[in-house]
Amino acid sequence: MKKLLVLSMIVCIGTLSWAGGRKDSVDRLKNAAEVLNELMATPDKGIPQEVFDNAKCIAVVPNMVKAAFVFGGKHGRGVATCRTANGWSAPAFISIGGGSWGLQIGAENIDLVMTVMNDQGMQRMLSNKFQVGGDAAAAAGPVGRHASAGTDWKADSEILTYSRAKGIFAGISLTGAVVQQDEDSTRDIYRKLIDQRSILSGSVTSPAAASSFMAAVRRSNAKARIAEVHQGEKK
């Protein structure tokens, strides 16, 4: 009976995570934009502005599925963008998947945000595939309006990871998860397969379908800088 439940969950996760098509890819861009917009609307319960303002890349995976019955799994599809000399790059499509083991049961959809904090982490994101915690060091990120001065998030972490469930952001461990290029969605949006490095390095023009996501990234970054200026004026 337990084996059947595990199998059913795995099949369900796969169905939800890998159903594709251009419409799915466009919807994912819009949903990722909504996650960022809602994130900046609740600064006291979200990602600290210092984290966002120092991030080299931002990846958003809306509606990632987490499910478990002894065996656990995480599967989702999202988009990422990196800073370039001319602003933020066109979005690259990614998928993320991984398993875990433990005494656990349940299933939920979460929004996942990953912030890449240094050049080494950025090189991982530019590759077509890497493992969180193996190839790239990652840690659950700090939450709140400001990152505590006593934390070492800026010095030691290549990638900071966050999840949002029921409107609340919290740090999350993704150790063991594999992040790789979503080739199907890349073809859906760019009409051909383009490698991650070309997209995220700024060599590719952002498509019209990504306008809401790119606007949300720029707006969020601008809000972070404005908030920092206002904070400085109050001191």
Protein backbone atom coordinates (compact mmCIF):
# COMPACT_ATOMS: atom_id res chain seq x y z
CA MET A 1 0.00 0.00 0.00
CA LYS A 2 2.78 2.42 0.91
CA LYS A 3 4.62 1.61 -2.30
CA LEU A 4 1.49 2.39 -4.31
CA LEU A 5 1.10 5.74 -2.54
CA VAL A 6 4.73 6.61 -3.24
CA LEU A 7 4.33 5.66 -6.90
CA SER A 8 1.14 7.72 -7.19
CA MET A 9 2.87 10.78 -5.75
CA ILE A 10 5.82 10.40 -8.10
CA VAL A 11 3.49 10.12 -11.11
CA CYS A 12 1.49 13.14 -9.91
CA ILE A 13 4.62 15.24 -9.44
CA GLY A 14 5.87 14.30 -12.87
CA THR A 15 2.56 15.17 -14.50
CA LEU A 16 2.35 18.57 -12.82
CA SER A 17 5.98 19.45 -13.36
CA TRP A 18 6.57 18.38 -16.94
CA ALA A 19 3.36 19.29 -18.75
CA GLY A 20 4.71 21.74 -21.31
CA GLY A 21 3.96 23.80 -24.39
CA ARG A 22 4.45 27.47 -25.25
CA LYS A 23 1.43 28.54 -23.19
CA ASP A 24 2.91 26.83 -20.13
CA SER A 25 6.21 28.65 -20.68
CA VAL A 26 4.50 32.03 -21.09
CA ASP A 27 2.37 31.41 -18.00
CA ARG A 28 5.51 30.54 -16.05
CA LEU A 29 7.05 33.90 -16.93
CA LYS A 30 3.92 35.70 -15.75
CA ASN A 31 3.70 33.67 -12.55
CA ALA A 32 7.37 34.34 -11.79
CA ALA A 33 6.70 38.06 -12.22
CA GLU A 34 3.80 37.83 -9.74
CA VAL A 35 6.04 36.10 -7.19
CA LEU A 36 8.60 38.94 -7.38
CA ASN A 37 5.93 41.66 -7.26
CA GLU A 38 4.31 40.10 -4.19
CA LEU A 39 7.72 39.61 -2.62
CA MET A 40 8.54 43.31 -2.80
CA ALA A 41 5.08 44.20 -1.48
CA THR A 42 5.84 42.48 1.85
CA PRO A 43 9.41 43.55 2.70
CA ASP A 44 9.16 42.66 6.40
CA LYS A 45 8.40 39.02 5.55
CA GLY A 46 10.43 38.59 2.39
CA ILE A 47 13.97 38.53 1.08
CA PRO A 48 16.15 41.30 2.55
CA GLN A 49 16.79 44.14 0.12
CA GLU A 50 20.56 43.77 0.61
CA VAL A 51 20.36 40.23 -0.72
CA PHE A 52 18.42 41.21 -3.81
CA ASP A 53 20.56 44.28 -4.45
CA ASN A 54 23.79 42.22 -4.33
CA ALA A 55 22.51 39.24 -6.30
CA LYS A 56 24.32 38.32 -9.50
CA CYS A 57 21.40 36.21 -10.74
CA ILE A 58 17.79 35.66 -9.71
CA ALA A 59 15.87 32.44 -10.36
CA VAL A 60 12.17 31.99 -9.66
CA VAL A 61 10.33 28.67 -9.72
CA PRO A 62 6.61 29.31 -9.21
CA ASN A 63 4.41 26.48 -7.97
CA MET A 64 7.15 23.96 -7.32
CA VAL A 65 5.69 20.68 -6.10
CA LYS A 66 6.96 19.11 -2.89
CA ALA A 67 5.58 15.70 -1.98
CA ALA A 68 6.61 12.95 0.38
CA PHE A 69 5.63 9.64 1.88
CA VAL A 70 8.87 8.46 3.50
CA PHE A 71 10.56 9.17 0.16
CA GLY A 72 10.39 12.85 -0.71
CA GLY A 73 10.72 14.81 -3.89
CA LYS A 74 10.92 18.34 -5.26
CA HIS A 75 10.15 19.12 -8.88
CA GLY A 76 9.52 22.40 -10.65
CA ARG A 77 10.21 24.59 -13.65
CA GLY A 78 11.17 28.24 -13.58
CA VAL A 79 13.14 31.10 -15.08
CA ALA A 80 16.42 32.83 -14.27
CA THR A 81 18.13 36.09 -15.23
CA CYS A 82 21.63 37.42 -14.52
CA ARG A 83 23.17 40.88 -14.35
CA THR A 84 25.14 41.99 -17.38
CA ALA A 85 26.97 45.18 -18.34
CA ASN A 86 23.73 46.37 -19.95
CA GLY A 87 21.27 45.37 -17.24
CA TRP A 88 19.48 42.06 -16.67
CA SER A 89 19.80 39.29 -19.23
CA ALA A 90 16.99 37.64 -21.13
CA PRO A 91 15.35 34.89 -19.08
CA ALA A 92 16.70 31.35 -19.22
CA PHE A 93 14.36 28.46 -18.53
CA ILE A 94 15.35 25.97 -15.86
CA SER A 95 14.02 22.83 -14.23
CA ILE A 96 14.82 21.67 -10.73
CA GLY A 97 14.40 18.23 -9.23
CA GLY A 98 15.69 16.24 -6.31
CA GLY A 99 14.82 13.67 -3.71
CA SER A 100 15.16 13.22 0.02
CA TRP A 101 14.72 10.51 2.62
CA GLY A 102 13.15 10.78 6.03
CA LEU A 103 10.05 10.35 8.13
CA GLN A 104 7.81 12.69 6.20
CA ILE A 105 4.38 12.78 4.65
CA GLY A 106 2.40 15.35 2.76
CA ALA A 107 2.39 17.46 -0.37
CA GLU A 108 2.31 21.19 -1.14
CA ASN A 109 3.03 23.75 -3.82
CA ILE A 110 5.64 26.37 -2.99
CA ASP A 111 7.22 29.31 -4.77
CA LEU A 112 10.99 29.01 -4.88
CA VAL A 113 13.45 31.88 -5.26
CA MET A 114 17.21 31.44 -5.63
CA THR A 115 19.61 34.39 -5.44
CA VAL A 116 23.14 33.85 -6.77
CA MET A 117 25.49 35.95 -4.68
CA ASN A 118 28.97 35.72 -6.26
CA ASP A 119 30.78 35.10 -9.53
CA GLN A 120 31.40 31.42 -8.78
CA GLY A 121 27.71 30.82 -8.24
CA MET A 122 26.97 32.77 -11.40
CA GLN A 123 29.21 30.44 -13.40
CA ARG A 124 27.15 27.53 -12.11
CA MET A 125 23.96 29.19 -13.27
CA LEU A 126 25.51 29.85 -16.68
CA SER A 127 26.15 26.13 -17.11
CA ASN A 128 23.44 23.88 -18.50
CA LYS A 129 23.35 21.69 -15.37
CA PHE A 130 24.61 21.74 -11.77
CA GLN A 131 23.82 20.20 -8.40
CA VAL A 132 22.93 22.37 -5.42
CA GLY A 133 25.22 21.57 -2.50
CA GLY A 134 27.49 19.50 -4.72
CA ASP A 135 28.70 21.74 -7.53
CA ALA A 136 27.36 24.94 -5.97
CA ALA A 137 27.35 25.80 -2.27
CA ALA A 138 23.90 26.89 -1.14
CA ALA A 139 22.27 27.96 2.10
CA ALA A 140 18.83 28.92 3.34
CA GLY A 141 18.74 32.69 3.04
CA PRO A 142 17.96 35.27 5.74
CA VAL A 143 14.45 36.74 5.82
CA GLY A 144 13.23 40.21 6.74
CA ARG A 145 13.58 43.83 5.70
CA HIS A 146 17.33 43.77 6.35
CA ALA A 147 19.85 40.96 6.58
CA SER A 148 21.42 40.75 10.03
CA ALA A 149 24.92 42.19 10.20
CA GLY A 150 26.02 39.09 12.08
CA THR A 151 25.19 36.64 9.30
CA ASP A 152 27.73 35.38 6.78
CA TRP A 153 25.39 35.20 3.79
CA LYS A 154 27.43 37.61 1.72
CA ALA A 155 30.82 35.98 2.24
CA ASP A 156 30.19 32.25 2.16
CA SER A 157 27.14 31.43 0.07
CA GLU A 158 27.14 31.03 -3.68
CA ILE A 159 23.36 30.65 -3.71
CA LEU A 160 20.73 31.65 -1.15
CA THR A 161 17.46 29.74 -1.35
CA TYR A 162 13.96 30.72 -0.30
CA SER A 163 10.53 29.16 -0.38
CA ARG A 164 7.11 30.71 -0.03
CA ALA A 165 4.09 28.83 1.20
CA LYS A 166 0.83 30.49 2.24
CA GLY A 167 2.28 33.95 1.60
CA ILE A 168 5.28 33.63 3.92
CA PHE A 169 8.89 33.40 2.73
CA ALA A 170 11.42 31.29 4.59
CA GLY A 171 14.86 29.87 3.93
CA ILE A 172 14.90 26.37 2.49
CA SER A 173 17.55 23.72 1.96
CA LEU A 174 17.84 22.40 -1.60
CA THR A 175 20.93 20.25 -1.04
CA GLY A 176 21.05 17.51 -3.64
CA ALA A 177 18.62 19.16 -6.04
CA VAL A 178 19.71 19.32 -9.67
CA VAL A 179 19.17 22.53 -11.65
CA GLN A 180 19.37 22.20 -15.41
CA GLN A 181 18.26 23.87 -18.60
CA ASP A 182 14.63 23.35 -19.54
CA GLU A 183 15.27 22.66 -23.21
CA ASP A 184 11.62 22.30 -24.21
CA SER A 185 10.65 25.71 -22.83
CA THR A 186 13.76 27.28 -24.34
CA ARG A 187 12.65 26.06 -27.76
CA ASP A 188 9.06 27.17 -27.10
CA ILE A 189 10.07 30.77 -26.40
CA TYR A 190 13.23 31.28 -28.45
CA ARG A 191 12.16 29.05 -31.38
CA LYS A 192 15.43 27.13 -31.11
CA LEU A 193 17.68 25.63 -28.44
CA ILE A 194 20.15 28.19 -27.08
CA ASP A 195 22.62 27.33 -24.32
CA GLN A 196 22.28 28.94 -20.90
CA ARG A 197 25.55 30.84 -21.11
CA SER A 198 24.50 32.66 -24.27
CA ILE A 199 21.14 33.63 -22.78
CA LEU A 200 22.31 34.66 -19.31
CA SER A 201 25.43 36.50 -20.48
CA GLY A 202 23.31 39.01 -22.39
CA SER A 203 23.93 37.75 -25.92
CA VAL A 204 20.25 37.09 -26.56
CA THR A 205 17.44 39.64 -26.90
CA SER A 206 14.68 39.22 -24.35
CA PRO A 207 11.44 38.03 -26.02
CA ALA A 208 8.19 39.97 -25.80
CA ALA A 209 6.63 37.13 -23.77
CA ALA A 210 9.09 37.89 -20.96
CA SER A 211 8.21 41.57 -20.60
CA SER A 212 6.27 41.20 -17.34
CA PHE A 213 9.01 39.11 -15.72
CA MET A 214 11.81 41.44 -16.80
CA ALA A 215 9.82 44.47 -15.61
CA ALA A 216 9.30 42.81 -12.21
CA VAL A 217 13.04 42.10 -11.88
CA ARG A 218 13.99 45.69 -12.75
CA ARG A 219 11.27 47.12 -10.52
CA SER A 220 12.28 44.95 -7.57
CA ASN A 221 15.92 45.92 -7.92
CA ALA A 222 15.03 49.61 -8.18
CA LYS A 223 12.86 49.39 -5.06
CA ALA A 224 15.72 47.83 -3.17
CA ARG A 225 18.06 50.70 -4.08
CA ILE A 226 15.44 53.36 -3.30
CA ALA A 227 14.74 51.77 0.07
CA GLU A 228 18.45 51.81 0.87
CA VAL A 229 18.66 55.54 0.03
CA HIS A 230 15.67 56.36 2.22
CA GLN A 231 17.10 54.31 5.06
CA GLY A 232 20.36 56.24 4.81
CA GLU A 233 18.57 59.60 4.87
CA LYS A 234 16.82 58.67 8.13
CA LYS A 235 20.10 58.00 9.93
